[in-house]
Amino acid sequence: MKAPKKRYKQLEIRIQEVEMFFNSIPTPTAPMQLAQGETIVDMEKMISSHLKTIESYNGNPACIPYLNRLEKLKTLIESQTKPKIN
């Protein structure tokens, strides 16, 4: 019975990290491509709708695709804002 609780806790941590990140930065305005055929045009709408969907699933594993996309976007944004070392 401990395994599901641990997975739920890990999912909860991932959700909190993504929420904190997107609540702490200005919403990007330029379109971004997450992958081939996966371009975000309206960043504010995508972030908002995905966070609301995750919240409505309340930790249910059905929220994982939405969480994965937000984590992918977070990684992309972080990689673009890191200073380049020569």
N, C-alpha and C. Protein backbone atom coordinates (compact mmCIF):
# COMPACT_ATOMS: atom_id res chain seq x y z
N MET A 1 0.81 -1.20 0.00
CA MET A 1 0.00 0.00 0.00
C MET A 1 0.85 1.27 0.00
N LYS A 2 2.12 1.15 0.35
CA LYS A 2 2.98 2.33 0.42
C LYS A 2 3.34 2.87 -0.96
N ALA A 3 3.46 2.00 -1.96
CA ALA A 3 3.87 2.44 -3.29
C ALA A 3 2.92 3.49 -3.88
N PRO A 4 1.59 3.29 -3.86
CA PRO A 4 0.71 4.32 -4.41
C PRO A 4 0.83 5.66 -3.69
N LYS A 5 1.00 5.63 -2.36
CA LYS A 5 1.15 6.89 -1.63
C LYS A 5 2.43 7.60 -2.05
N LYS A 6 3.50 6.82 -2.25
CA LYS A 6 4.77 7.42 -2.66
C LYS A 6 4.64 8.03 -4.05
N ARG A 7 3.98 7.32 -4.98
CA ARG A 7 3.79 7.85 -6.33
C ARG A 7 2.95 9.11 -6.29
N TYR A 8 1.90 9.10 -5.46
CA TYR A 8 1.05 10.28 -5.34
C TYR A 8 1.85 11.46 -4.82
N LYS A 9 2.70 11.22 -3.83
CA LYS A 9 3.53 12.29 -3.26
C LYS A 9 4.50 12.84 -4.31
N GLN A 10 5.10 11.95 -5.11
CA GLN A 10 6.02 12.40 -6.16
C GLN A 10 5.27 13.24 -7.19
N LEU A 11 4.06 12.83 -7.54
CA LEU A 11 3.25 13.58 -8.49
C LEU A 11 2.91 14.94 -7.91
N GLU A 12 2.56 14.97 -6.65
CA GLU A 12 2.23 16.22 -5.96
C GLU A 12 3.42 17.18 -5.97
N ILE A 13 4.61 16.66 -5.74
CA ILE A 13 5.82 17.48 -5.75
C ILE A 13 6.07 18.06 -7.14
N ARG A 14 5.92 17.24 -8.17
CA ARG A 14 6.10 17.72 -9.55
C ARG A 14 5.10 18.83 -9.87
N ILE A 15 3.87 18.65 -9.45
CA ILE A 15 2.83 19.66 -9.70
C ILE A 15 3.18 20.97 -9.00
N GLN A 16 3.60 20.89 -7.75
CA GLN A 16 3.96 22.09 -6.99
C GLN A 16 5.13 22.83 -7.64
N GLU A 17 6.12 22.09 -8.11
CA GLU A 17 7.29 22.71 -8.75
C GLU A 17 6.87 23.48 -10.01
N VAL A 18 6.01 22.88 -10.81
CA VAL A 18 5.57 23.52 -12.05
C VAL A 18 4.72 24.75 -11.72
N GLU A 19 3.81 24.62 -10.78
CA GLU A 19 2.97 25.76 -10.39
C GLU A 19 3.82 26.91 -9.88
N MET A 20 4.78 26.62 -9.02
CA MET A 20 5.65 27.67 -8.47
C MET A 20 6.44 28.34 -9.58
N PHE A 21 6.95 27.56 -10.51
CA PHE A 21 7.74 28.12 -11.60
C PHE A 21 6.90 29.09 -12.43
N PHE A 22 5.73 28.63 -12.91
CA PHE A 22 4.93 29.48 -13.80
C PHE A 22 4.29 30.65 -13.07
N ASN A 23 4.13 30.56 -11.77
CA ASN A 23 3.61 31.70 -11.01
C ASN A 23 4.71 32.71 -10.67
N SER A 24 5.97 32.33 -10.89
CA SER A 24 7.08 33.21 -10.51
C SER A 24 7.73 33.93 -11.70
N ILE A 25 7.28 33.63 -12.91
CA ILE A 25 7.89 34.25 -14.09
C ILE A 25 6.83 35.01 -14.88
N PRO A 26 7.25 36.00 -15.66
CA PRO A 26 6.30 36.62 -16.58
C PRO A 26 5.96 35.62 -17.68
N THR A 27 4.72 35.61 -18.11
CA THR A 27 4.30 34.67 -19.14
C THR A 27 4.99 35.03 -20.46
N PRO A 28 5.70 34.07 -21.05
CA PRO A 28 6.33 34.33 -22.35
C PRO A 28 5.27 34.69 -23.40
N THR A 29 5.64 35.55 -24.32
CA THR A 29 4.67 35.97 -25.34
C THR A 29 4.95 35.36 -26.70
N ALA A 30 6.18 34.97 -26.95
CA ALA A 30 6.54 34.40 -28.25
C ALA A 30 6.12 32.94 -28.32
N PRO A 31 5.67 32.49 -29.49
CA PRO A 31 5.35 31.06 -29.64
C PRO A 31 6.60 30.21 -29.40
N MET A 32 6.38 29.01 -28.88
CA MET A 32 7.49 28.08 -28.61
C MET A 32 7.12 26.70 -29.11
N GLN A 33 8.11 26.05 -29.67
CA GLN A 33 7.91 24.69 -30.17
C GLN A 33 8.46 23.70 -29.15
N LEU A 34 7.57 22.87 -28.61
CA LEU A 34 7.99 21.85 -27.65
C LEU A 34 8.59 20.65 -28.37
N ALA A 35 7.99 20.31 -29.49
CA ALA A 35 8.44 19.18 -30.31
C ALA A 35 7.85 19.38 -31.71
N GLN A 36 8.25 18.54 -32.63
CA GLN A 36 7.71 18.65 -33.98
C GLN A 36 6.20 18.47 -33.91
N GLY A 37 5.47 19.44 -34.46
CA GLY A 37 4.02 19.39 -34.44
C GLY A 37 3.40 19.83 -33.12
N GLU A 38 4.20 20.34 -32.22
CA GLU A 38 3.72 20.75 -30.91
C GLU A 38 4.21 22.17 -30.62
N THR A 39 3.54 23.15 -31.22
CA THR A 39 3.91 24.55 -31.05
C THR A 39 2.85 25.25 -30.21
N ILE A 40 3.29 25.98 -29.21
CA ILE A 40 2.38 26.74 -28.36
C ILE A 40 2.35 28.16 -28.91
N VAL A 41 1.17 28.60 -29.30
CA VAL A 41 1.01 29.93 -29.86
C VAL A 41 0.53 30.90 -28.78
N ASP A 42 -0.45 30.50 -28.01
CA ASP A 42 -0.99 31.34 -26.93
C ASP A 42 -0.50 30.78 -25.60
N MET A 43 0.66 31.26 -25.18
CA MET A 43 1.34 30.74 -23.99
C MET A 43 0.48 30.88 -22.73
N GLU A 44 -0.13 32.04 -22.55
CA GLU A 44 -0.93 32.28 -21.35
C GLU A 44 -2.10 31.29 -21.26
N LYS A 45 -2.76 31.09 -22.38
CA LYS A 45 -3.91 30.18 -22.40
C LYS A 45 -3.47 28.73 -22.14
N MET A 46 -2.37 28.33 -22.73
CA MET A 46 -1.88 26.96 -22.56
C MET A 46 -1.51 26.70 -21.10
N ILE A 47 -0.73 27.60 -20.52
CA ILE A 47 -0.29 27.43 -19.14
C ILE A 47 -1.50 27.41 -18.21
N SER A 48 -2.38 28.36 -18.37
CA SER A 48 -3.56 28.47 -17.52
C SER A 48 -4.45 27.23 -17.64
N SER A 49 -4.74 26.80 -18.86
CA SER A 49 -5.63 25.65 -19.05
C SER A 49 -5.00 24.36 -18.52
N HIS A 50 -3.71 24.21 -18.72
CA HIS A 50 -3.04 23.01 -18.22
C HIS A 50 -3.00 22.98 -16.69
N LEU A 51 -2.72 24.12 -16.06
CA LEU A 51 -2.72 24.17 -14.60
C LEU A 51 -4.12 23.89 -14.04
N LYS A 52 -5.16 24.42 -14.69
CA LYS A 52 -6.53 24.17 -14.25
C LYS A 52 -6.90 22.70 -14.42
N THR A 53 -6.47 22.11 -15.52
CA THR A 53 -6.75 20.70 -15.75
C THR A 53 -6.07 19.83 -14.70
N ILE A 54 -4.82 20.12 -14.41
CA ILE A 54 -4.08 19.38 -13.39
C ILE A 54 -4.78 19.51 -12.04
N GLU A 55 -5.20 20.72 -11.73
CA GLU A 55 -5.89 20.97 -10.46
C GLU A 55 -7.22 20.20 -10.39
N SER A 56 -7.94 20.16 -11.50
CA SER A 56 -9.24 19.48 -11.49
C SER A 56 -9.08 17.96 -11.35
N TYR A 57 -7.97 17.41 -11.83
CA TYR A 57 -7.73 15.97 -11.67
C TYR A 57 -7.25 15.63 -10.26
N ASN A 58 -6.83 16.62 -9.50
CA ASN A 58 -6.48 16.46 -8.09
C ASN A 58 -5.54 15.28 -7.82
N GLY A 59 -4.45 15.21 -8.56
CA GLY A 59 -3.46 14.16 -8.31
C GLY A 59 -3.72 12.86 -9.04
N ASN A 60 -4.83 12.75 -9.75
CA ASN A 60 -5.14 11.56 -10.53
C ASN A 60 -4.10 11.43 -11.65
N PRO A 61 -3.61 10.22 -11.93
CA PRO A 61 -2.60 10.05 -12.98
C PRO A 61 -3.05 10.54 -14.37
N ALA A 62 -4.33 10.79 -14.55
CA ALA A 62 -4.82 11.32 -15.83
C ALA A 62 -4.25 12.70 -16.12
N CYS A 63 -3.71 13.38 -15.11
CA CYS A 63 -3.15 14.72 -15.32
C CYS A 63 -1.72 14.67 -15.86
N ILE A 64 -1.12 13.51 -15.90
CA ILE A 64 0.30 13.40 -16.26
C ILE A 64 0.64 13.98 -17.64
N PRO A 65 -0.14 13.75 -18.70
CA PRO A 65 0.23 14.38 -19.99
C PRO A 65 0.28 15.90 -19.92
N TYR A 66 -0.62 16.50 -19.16
CA TYR A 66 -0.64 17.96 -19.01
C TYR A 66 0.58 18.42 -18.21
N LEU A 67 0.89 17.68 -17.18
CA LEU A 67 2.05 17.98 -16.36
C LEU A 67 3.34 17.83 -17.17
N ASN A 68 3.41 16.78 -17.98
CA ASN A 68 4.61 16.56 -18.81
C ASN A 68 4.84 17.71 -19.77
N ARG A 69 3.76 18.22 -20.39
CA ARG A 69 3.91 19.35 -21.32
C ARG A 69 4.38 20.60 -20.59
N LEU A 70 3.84 20.84 -19.40
CA LEU A 70 4.29 22.01 -18.63
C LEU A 70 5.75 21.86 -18.20
N GLU A 71 6.15 20.66 -17.83
CA GLU A 71 7.55 20.44 -17.46
C GLU A 71 8.47 20.62 -18.66
N LYS A 72 8.01 20.19 -19.82
CA LYS A 72 8.78 20.36 -21.05
C LYS A 72 8.94 21.85 -21.36
N LEU A 73 7.86 22.59 -21.22
CA LEU A 73 7.90 24.03 -21.45
C LEU A 73 8.81 24.71 -20.43
N LYS A 74 8.73 24.31 -19.19
CA LYS A 74 9.58 24.86 -18.13
C LYS A 74 11.05 24.66 -18.47
N THR A 75 11.40 23.46 -18.90
CA THR A 75 12.79 23.16 -19.28
C THR A 75 13.24 24.03 -20.44
N LEU A 76 12.36 24.20 -21.42
CA LEU A 76 12.68 25.03 -22.59
C LEU A 76 12.90 26.48 -22.18
N ILE A 77 12.04 27.00 -21.34
CA ILE A 77 12.18 28.39 -20.88
C ILE A 77 13.46 28.56 -20.07
N GLU A 78 13.73 27.61 -19.19
CA GLU A 78 14.95 27.69 -18.38
C GLU A 78 16.19 27.64 -19.26
N SER A 79 16.18 26.82 -20.29
CA SER A 79 17.36 26.70 -21.17
C SER A 79 17.58 27.98 -21.97
N GLN A 80 16.52 28.71 -22.24
CA GLN A 80 16.65 29.96 -23.00
C GLN A 80 17.07 31.14 -22.13
N THR A 81 16.88 31.01 -20.83
CA THR A 81 17.22 32.14 -19.95
C THR A 81 18.54 31.98 -19.23
N LYS A 82 19.16 30.81 -19.35
CA LYS A 82 20.46 30.61 -18.71
C LYS A 82 21.53 31.38 -19.45
N PRO A 83 22.43 32.02 -18.73
CA PRO A 83 23.52 32.74 -19.41
C PRO A 83 24.43 31.74 -20.13
N LYS A 84 24.88 32.14 -21.30
CA LYS A 84 25.76 31.29 -22.09
C LYS A 84 27.21 31.51 -21.67
N ILE A 85 27.91 30.42 -21.47
CA ILE A 85 29.32 30.48 -21.06
C ILE A 85 30.17 30.24 -22.29
N ASN A 86 31.10 31.14 -22.54
CA ASN A 86 31.98 31.02 -23.72
C ASN A 86 33.23 30.24 -23.38
